[in-house]
Amino acid sequence: MSKQEQYFGKIVEYKQRFRKLSTEKLKQRLQNSGGFLYKEAAIALRELVEEREEREQQLLEENNMERIRLIRSLSELDSTCYFEILPGKYEGNCWNQNSVFMTEEVFGYFEPIFERHEPDFDHYAFMAIGKDVWTLIISDFSNLMQVLEQSQDVQELEGKVGFIFRDSMCRFASDFRSNAMTLADVLRELSEWLEEQLKNHDCISVLGI
């Protein structure tokens, strides 16, 4: 393995290690990294912070919606800001062929459901969720689908849908009925995929940002 390959491998390793920290904690670790973090760790930390902030700023400047969809092909991933849902337990590898993916903003729309049913859920962590909990989550997906299909205004979604970026709610509201129906379709597609995976797996993992 070349030095360059070792170097980039080290960056990937540190990115995995620090995914569990919030953006603010990442910033603090970066600011205080002089004595105990390697140069590669500082680079990985900075990339994680900057990628998240640049994506949010880009969305604000473009006044644009993240496309609401469930991603099934690795070829459609163009950055690291995705949530991965992996059949079974995480075994050290991200971007698995049998996983499905969502952008951070799209996952954020229904992230409150995960927080309600899995108290230790963390936006930045990797977590295996058991079949019993997934059954509750899928049930809440169904309830949210009905709300999305019946709602006429974004205000009706407050407390039910998560809007994680500063302008997420406004952009969702800009084409409300289309966005609401598309999100309901994604939840339906995801629920069907989860139910199929749970036939063969006792848990399904959520790999955070």
C-alpha atoms as a PDB file:
ATOM      1  CA  MET A   1       0.000   0.000   0.000  1.00  0.00           C
ATOM      2  CA  SER A   2       1.400   3.396  -0.998  1.00  0.00           C
ATOM      3  CA  LYS A   3       1.890   6.244   1.479  1.00  0.00           C
ATOM      4  CA  GLN A   4      -0.927   8.140  -0.216  1.00  0.00           C
ATOM      5  CA  GLU A   5      -3.289   5.176   0.213  1.00  0.00           C
ATOM      6  CA  GLN A   6      -2.267   4.855   3.863  1.00  0.00           C
ATOM      7  CA  TYR A   7      -2.872   8.558   4.383  1.00  0.00           C
ATOM      8  CA  PHE A   8      -6.371   8.543   2.931  1.00  0.00           C
ATOM      9  CA  GLY A   9      -7.132   5.316   4.772  1.00  0.00           C
ATOM     10  CA  LYS A  10      -6.220   7.081   8.002  1.00  0.00           C
ATOM     11  CA  ILE A  11      -8.559   9.960   7.212  1.00  0.00           C
ATOM     12  CA  VAL A  12     -11.425   7.505   6.640  1.00  0.00           C
ATOM     13  CA  GLU A  13     -10.606   5.834   9.970  1.00  0.00           C
ATOM     14  CA  TYR A  14     -10.757   9.138  11.848  1.00  0.00           C
ATOM     15  CA  LYS A  15     -13.966  10.155  10.107  1.00  0.00           C
ATOM     16  CA  GLN A  16     -15.579   6.959  11.341  1.00  0.00           C
ATOM     17  CA  ARG A  17     -14.248   7.534  14.873  1.00  0.00           C
ATOM     18  CA  PHE A  18     -15.555  11.088  15.135  1.00  0.00           C
ATOM     19  CA  ARG A  19     -18.963  10.626  13.479  1.00  0.00           C
ATOM     20  CA  LYS A  20     -20.546  10.290  16.932  1.00  0.00           C
ATOM     21  CA  LEU A  21     -19.671  13.869  17.889  1.00  0.00           C
ATOM     22  CA  SER A  22     -22.001  16.780  17.220  1.00  0.00           C
ATOM     23  CA  THR A  23     -20.824  19.615  14.978  1.00  0.00           C
ATOM     24  CA  GLU A  24     -20.146  21.844  18.000  1.00  0.00           C
ATOM     25  CA  LYS A  25     -18.111  19.136  19.707  1.00  0.00           C
ATOM     26  CA  LEU A  26     -16.196  18.550  16.491  1.00  0.00           C
ATOM     27  CA  LYS A  27     -15.343  22.240  16.378  1.00  0.00           C
ATOM     28  CA  GLN A  28     -14.155  22.172  19.989  1.00  0.00           C
ATOM     29  CA  ARG A  29     -11.987  19.126  19.359  1.00  0.00           C
ATOM     30  CA  LEU A  30     -10.508  20.762  16.274  1.00  0.00           C
ATOM     31  CA  GLN A  31      -9.732  23.976  18.152  1.00  0.00           C
ATOM     32  CA  ASN A  32      -8.071  22.024  20.951  1.00  0.00           C
ATOM     33  CA  SER A  33      -6.335  19.457  18.774  1.00  0.00           C
ATOM     34  CA  GLY A  34      -2.777  20.742  19.061  1.00  0.00           C
ATOM     35  CA  GLY A  35      -1.520  18.401  21.758  1.00  0.00           C
ATOM     36  CA  PHE A  36      -3.225  15.069  21.249  1.00  0.00           C
ATOM     37  CA  LEU A  37      -4.761  14.705  17.811  1.00  0.00           C
ATOM     38  CA  TYR A  38      -2.773  13.703  14.746  1.00  0.00           C
ATOM     39  CA  LYS A  39      -2.731  15.956  11.705  1.00  0.00           C
ATOM     40  CA  GLU A  40      -4.941  13.442   9.882  1.00  0.00           C
ATOM     41  CA  ALA A  41      -7.549  13.641  12.678  1.00  0.00           C
ATOM     42  CA  ALA A  42      -7.655  17.429  12.449  1.00  0.00           C
ATOM     43  CA  ILE A  43      -8.136  17.191   8.683  1.00  0.00           C
ATOM     44  CA  ALA A  44     -10.950  14.661   9.084  1.00  0.00           C
ATOM     45  CA  LEU A  45     -12.654  16.793  11.743  1.00  0.00           C
ATOM     46  CA  ARG A  46     -12.419  19.914   9.633  1.00  0.00           C
ATOM     47  CA  GLU A  47     -13.821  18.125   6.585  1.00  0.00           C
ATOM     48  CA  LEU A  48     -16.811  16.843   8.550  1.00  0.00           C
ATOM     49  CA  VAL A  49     -17.636  20.287   9.918  1.00  0.00           C
ATOM     50  CA  GLU A  50     -17.081  22.124   6.643  1.00  0.00           C
ATOM     51  CA  GLU A  51     -19.010  19.645   4.497  1.00  0.00           C
ATOM     52  CA  ARG A  52     -22.108  19.950   6.696  1.00  0.00           C
ATOM     53  CA  GLU A  53     -21.936  23.752   6.868  1.00  0.00           C
ATOM     54  CA  GLU A  54     -21.227  24.183   3.146  1.00  0.00           C
ATOM     55  CA  ARG A  55     -24.185  21.989   2.219  1.00  0.00           C
ATOM     56  CA  GLU A  56     -26.513  23.979   4.446  1.00  0.00           C
ATOM     57  CA  GLN A  57     -25.236  27.274   3.035  1.00  0.00           C
ATOM     58  CA  GLN A  58     -25.613  26.008  -0.525  1.00  0.00           C
ATOM     59  CA  LEU A  59     -29.234  25.091   0.109  1.00  0.00           C
ATOM     60  CA  LEU A  60     -29.890  28.509   1.620  1.00  0.00           C
ATOM     61  CA  GLU A  61     -28.276  30.390  -1.265  1.00  0.00           C
ATOM     62  CA  GLU A  62     -30.064  28.343  -3.931  1.00  0.00           C
ATOM     63  CA  ASN A  63     -33.342  28.361  -1.992  1.00  0.00           C
ATOM     64  CA  ASN A  64     -33.452  24.785  -3.209  1.00  0.00           C
ATOM     65  CA  MET A  65     -34.992  21.554  -1.996  1.00  0.00           C
ATOM     66  CA  GLU A  66     -32.987  18.408  -1.488  1.00  0.00           C
ATOM     67  CA  ARG A  67     -34.653  15.907  -3.785  1.00  0.00           C
ATOM     68  CA  ILE A  68     -36.957  13.803  -1.602  1.00  0.00           C
ATOM     69  CA  ARG A  69     -36.175  10.203  -2.503  1.00  0.00           C
ATOM     70  CA  LEU A  70     -34.872   6.873  -1.277  1.00  0.00           C
ATOM     71  CA  ILE A  71     -31.475   6.154  -2.837  1.00  0.00           C
ATOM     72  CA  ARG A  72     -30.771   2.525  -3.704  1.00  0.00           C
ATOM     73  CA  SER A  73     -27.606   2.778  -5.825  1.00  0.00           C
ATOM     74  CA  LEU A  74     -24.117   3.714  -4.629  1.00  0.00           C
ATOM     75  CA  SER A  75     -23.545   5.441  -7.963  1.00  0.00           C
ATOM     76  CA  GLU A  76     -26.044   8.129  -6.925  1.00  0.00           C
ATOM     77  CA  LEU A  77     -24.029   9.194  -3.855  1.00  0.00           C
ATOM     78  CA  ASP A  78     -21.922  12.287  -4.454  1.00  0.00           C
ATOM     79  CA  SER A  79     -20.715  13.208  -0.941  1.00  0.00           C
ATOM     80  CA  THR A  80     -20.638  11.745   2.582  1.00  0.00           C
ATOM     81  CA  CYS A  81     -23.691  13.607   3.922  1.00  0.00           C
ATOM     82  CA  TYR A  82     -26.068  10.648   3.738  1.00  0.00           C
ATOM     83  CA  PHE A  83     -27.832   8.431   6.222  1.00  0.00           C
ATOM     84  CA  GLU A  84     -27.375   4.757   5.470  1.00  0.00           C
ATOM     85  CA  ILE A  85     -29.867   2.108   6.556  1.00  0.00           C
ATOM     86  CA  LEU A  86     -28.099  -1.242   6.621  1.00  0.00           C
ATOM     87  CA  PRO A  87     -29.692  -4.694   7.013  1.00  0.00           C
ATOM     88  CA  GLY A  88     -28.165  -6.359  10.076  1.00  0.00           C
ATOM     89  CA  LYS A  89     -25.353  -5.011  12.260  1.00  0.00           C
ATOM     90  CA  TYR A  90     -22.655  -2.566  11.202  1.00  0.00           C
ATOM     91  CA  GLU A  91     -19.432  -4.525  10.668  1.00  0.00           C
ATOM     92  CA  GLY A  92     -16.956  -1.785   9.881  1.00  0.00           C
ATOM     93  CA  ASN A  93     -17.973  -0.836   6.355  1.00  0.00           C
ATOM     94  CA  CYS A  94     -20.096   2.046   5.096  1.00  0.00           C
ATOM     95  CA  TRP A  95     -21.711   2.437   1.669  1.00  0.00           C
ATOM     96  CA  ASN A  96     -22.894  -1.163   1.442  1.00  0.00           C
ATOM     97  CA  GLN A  97     -24.507  -2.465  -1.735  1.00  0.00           C
ATOM     98  CA  ASN A  98     -27.533  -3.851   0.138  1.00  0.00           C
ATOM     99  CA  SER A  99     -28.243  -0.590   2.021  1.00  0.00           C
ATOM    100  CA  VAL A 100     -30.560   2.285   1.189  1.00  0.00           C
ATOM    101  CA  PHE A 101     -29.611   5.933   1.638  1.00  0.00           C
ATOM    102  CA  MET A 102     -31.141   9.361   2.210  1.00  0.00           C
ATOM    103  CA  THR A 103     -29.713  12.839   2.315  1.00  0.00           C
ATOM    104  CA  GLU A 104     -29.394  14.379   5.754  1.00  0.00           C
ATOM    105  CA  GLU A 105     -32.307  16.734   5.160  1.00  0.00           C
ATOM    106  CA  VAL A 106     -34.643  13.985   3.952  1.00  0.00           C
ATOM    107  CA  PHE A 107     -33.835  11.713   6.884  1.00  0.00           C
ATOM    108  CA  GLY A 108     -34.355  14.700   9.170  1.00  0.00           C
ATOM    109  CA  TYR A 109     -38.010  14.922   8.128  1.00  0.00           C
ATOM    110  CA  PHE A 110     -38.804  11.730  10.044  1.00  0.00           C
ATOM    111  CA  GLU A 111     -35.888  11.675  12.491  1.00  0.00           C
ATOM    112  CA  PRO A 112     -38.252  12.631  15.390  1.00  0.00           C
ATOM    113  CA  ILE A 113     -39.803   9.162  15.061  1.00  0.00           C
ATOM    114  CA  PHE A 114     -36.443   7.527  15.727  1.00  0.00           C
ATOM    115  CA  GLU A 115     -35.806   9.825  18.682  1.00  0.00           C
ATOM    116  CA  ARG A 116     -39.197   8.927  20.146  1.00  0.00           C
ATOM    117  CA  HIS A 117     -38.715   5.168  19.975  1.00  0.00           C
ATOM    118  CA  GLU A 118     -34.948   4.866  20.493  1.00  0.00           C
ATOM    119  CA  PRO A 119     -33.906   7.116  23.445  1.00  0.00           C
ATOM    120  CA  ASP A 120     -30.189   6.734  22.673  1.00  0.00           C
ATOM    121  CA  PHE A 121     -30.583   7.645  19.011  1.00  0.00           C
ATOM    122  CA  ASP A 122     -27.887  10.053  17.837  1.00  0.00           C
ATOM    123  CA  HIS A 123     -27.788  11.926  14.526  1.00  0.00           C
ATOM    124  CA  TYR A 124     -24.035  11.251  14.288  1.00  0.00           C
ATOM    125  CA  ALA A 125     -23.852   7.683  15.611  1.00  0.00           C
ATOM    126  CA  PHE A 126     -24.104   4.183  14.202  1.00  0.00           C
ATOM    127  CA  MET A 127     -26.904   2.226  15.871  1.00  0.00           C
ATOM    128  CA  ALA A 128     -28.415  -1.237  15.465  1.00  0.00           C
ATOM    129  CA  ILE A 129     -32.177  -1.144  16.064  1.00  0.00           C
ATOM    130  CA  GLY A 130     -34.053  -4.314  16.950  1.00  0.00           C
ATOM    131  CA  LYS A 131     -37.087  -5.737  15.175  1.00  0.00           C
ATOM    132  CA  ASP A 132     -39.531  -4.762  17.945  1.00  0.00           C
ATOM    133  CA  VAL A 133     -38.514  -1.105  17.766  1.00  0.00           C
ATOM    134  CA  TRP A 134     -38.629  -1.115  13.974  1.00  0.00           C
ATOM    135  CA  THR A 135     -42.228  -2.340  14.180  1.00  0.00           C
ATOM    136  CA  LEU A 136     -43.101   0.767  16.219  1.00  0.00           C
ATOM    137  CA  ILE A 137     -41.164   3.018  13.842  1.00  0.00           C
ATOM    138  CA  ILE A 138     -42.913   1.576  10.788  1.00  0.00           C
ATOM    139  CA  SER A 139     -46.267   2.086  12.494  1.00  0.00           C
ATOM    140  CA  ASP A 140     -45.417   5.745  13.071  1.00  0.00           C
ATOM    141  CA  PHE A 141     -44.316   6.023   9.437  1.00  0.00           C
ATOM    142  CA  SER A 142     -47.819   4.931   8.489  1.00  0.00           C
ATOM    143  CA  ASN A 143     -49.362   7.555  10.773  1.00  0.00           C
ATOM    144  CA  LEU A 144     -47.099  10.251   9.330  1.00  0.00           C
ATOM    145  CA  MET A 145     -48.040   9.216   5.787  1.00  0.00           C
ATOM    146  CA  GLN A 146     -51.678   9.884   6.601  1.00  0.00           C
ATOM    147  CA  VAL A 147     -50.836  13.293   8.079  1.00  0.00           C
ATOM    148  CA  LEU A 148     -48.797  14.208   4.992  1.00  0.00           C
ATOM    149  CA  GLU A 149     -51.543  13.105   2.621  1.00  0.00           C
ATOM    150  CA  GLN A 150     -54.222  15.078   4.462  1.00  0.00           C
ATOM    151  CA  SER A 151     -52.345  18.254   5.462  1.00  0.00           C
ATOM    152  CA  GLN A 152     -52.898  21.446   3.505  1.00  0.00           C
ATOM    153  CA  ASP A 153     -50.287  23.664   5.172  1.00  0.00           C
ATOM    154  CA  VAL A 154     -46.768  23.206   6.507  1.00  0.00           C
ATOM    155  CA  GLN A 155     -47.852  24.505   9.912  1.00  0.00           C
ATOM    156  CA  GLU A 156     -49.862  21.311  10.354  1.00  0.00           C
ATOM    157  CA  LEU A 157     -46.584  19.374  10.309  1.00  0.00           C
ATOM    158  CA  GLU A 158     -44.939  21.184  13.229  1.00  0.00           C
ATOM    159  CA  GLY A 159     -43.910  18.678  15.867  1.00  0.00           C
ATOM    160  CA  LYS A 160     -44.488  15.809  13.438  1.00  0.00           C
ATOM    161  CA  VAL A 161     -41.880  16.469  10.727  1.00  0.00           C
ATOM    162  CA  GLY A 162     -38.286  17.478  11.474  1.00  0.00           C
ATOM    163  CA  PHE A 163     -36.857  20.472   9.597  1.00  0.00           C
ATOM    164  CA  ILE A 164     -33.176  20.331  10.443  1.00  0.00           C
ATOM    165  CA  PHE A 165     -31.735  23.180   8.358  1.00  0.00           C
ATOM    166  CA  ARG A 166     -32.495  26.857   8.947  1.00  0.00           C
ATOM    167  CA  ASP A 167     -34.600  27.192   5.821  1.00  0.00           C
ATOM    168  CA  SER A 168     -35.947  23.636   5.521  1.00  0.00           C
ATOM    169  CA  MET A 169     -39.517  24.464   6.512  1.00  0.00           C
ATOM    170  CA  CYS A 170     -39.774  27.433   4.146  1.00  0.00           C
ATOM    171  CA  ARG A 171     -38.441  25.442   1.213  1.00  0.00           C
ATOM    172  CA  PHE A 172     -40.762  22.520   1.986  1.00  0.00           C
ATOM    173  CA  ALA A 173     -43.692  24.951   2.130  1.00  0.00           C
ATOM    174  CA  SER A 174     -42.796  26.500  -1.250  1.00  0.00           C
ATOM    175  CA  ASP A 175     -44.360  23.508  -3.057  1.00  0.00           C
ATOM    176  CA  PHE A 176     -46.151  22.007  -0.108  1.00  0.00           C
ATOM    177  CA  ARG A 177     -48.575  19.482  -1.590  1.00  0.00           C
ATOM    178  CA  SER A 178     -46.004  18.041  -3.989  1.00  0.00           C
ATOM    179  CA  ASN A 179     -43.357  17.762  -1.267  1.00  0.00           C
ATOM    180  CA  ALA A 180     -45.788  16.281   1.243  1.00  0.00           C
ATOM    181  CA  MET A 181     -47.011  13.622  -1.183  1.00  0.00           C
ATOM    182  CA  THR A 182     -43.467  12.780  -2.291  1.00  0.00           C
ATOM    183  CA  LEU A 183     -42.341  12.377   1.320  1.00  0.00           C
ATOM    184  CA  ALA A 184     -45.340  10.106   1.984  1.00  0.00           C
ATOM    185  CA  ASP A 185     -44.296   7.988  -1.017  1.00  0.00           C
ATOM    186  CA  VAL A 186     -40.723   7.739   0.314  1.00  0.00           C
ATOM    187  CA  LEU A 187     -42.016   6.617   3.724  1.00  0.00           C
ATOM    188  CA  ARG A 188     -44.171   3.989   2.029  1.00  0.00           C
ATOM    189  CA  GLU A 189     -41.237   2.742  -0.055  1.00  0.00           C
ATOM    190  CA  LEU A 190     -38.941   2.687   2.975  1.00  0.00           C
ATOM    191  CA  SER A 191     -41.535   0.852   5.089  1.00  0.00           C
ATOM    192  CA  GLU A 192     -41.907  -1.849   2.443  1.00  0.00           C
ATOM    193  CA  TRP A 193     -38.121  -2.217   2.208  1.00  0.00           C
ATOM    194  CA  LEU A 194     -37.788  -2.461   6.011  1.00  0.00           C
ATOM    195  CA  GLU A 195     -40.527  -5.066   6.313  1.00  0.00           C
ATOM    196  CA  GLU A 196     -38.806  -7.164   3.653  1.00  0.00           C
ATOM    197  CA  GLN A 197     -35.424  -6.905   5.406  1.00  0.00           C
ATOM    198  CA  LEU A 198     -36.895  -7.789   8.803  1.00  0.00           C
ATOM    199  CA  LYS A 199     -37.937 -11.170   7.419  1.00  0.00           C
ATOM    200  CA  ASN A 200     -34.243 -12.131   7.372  1.00  0.00           C
ATOM    201  CA  HIS A 201     -32.643  -9.890  10.012  1.00  0.00           C
ATOM    202  CA  ASP A 202     -33.181  -9.416  13.748  1.00  0.00           C
ATOM    203  CA  CYS A 203     -31.958  -5.832  13.526  1.00  0.00           C
ATOM    204  CA  ILE A 204     -31.387  -3.109  10.967  1.00  0.00           C
ATOM    205  CA  SER A 205     -28.730  -0.442  11.534  1.00  0.00           C
ATOM    206  CA  VAL A 206     -28.916   3.300  10.998  1.00  0.00           C
ATOM    207  CA  LEU A 207     -25.532   4.830  10.142  1.00  0.00           C
ATOM    208  CA  GLY A 208     -25.640   8.534  10.873  1.00  0.00           C
ATOM    209  CA  ILE A 209     -23.769  11.420   9.307  1.00  0.00           C
END
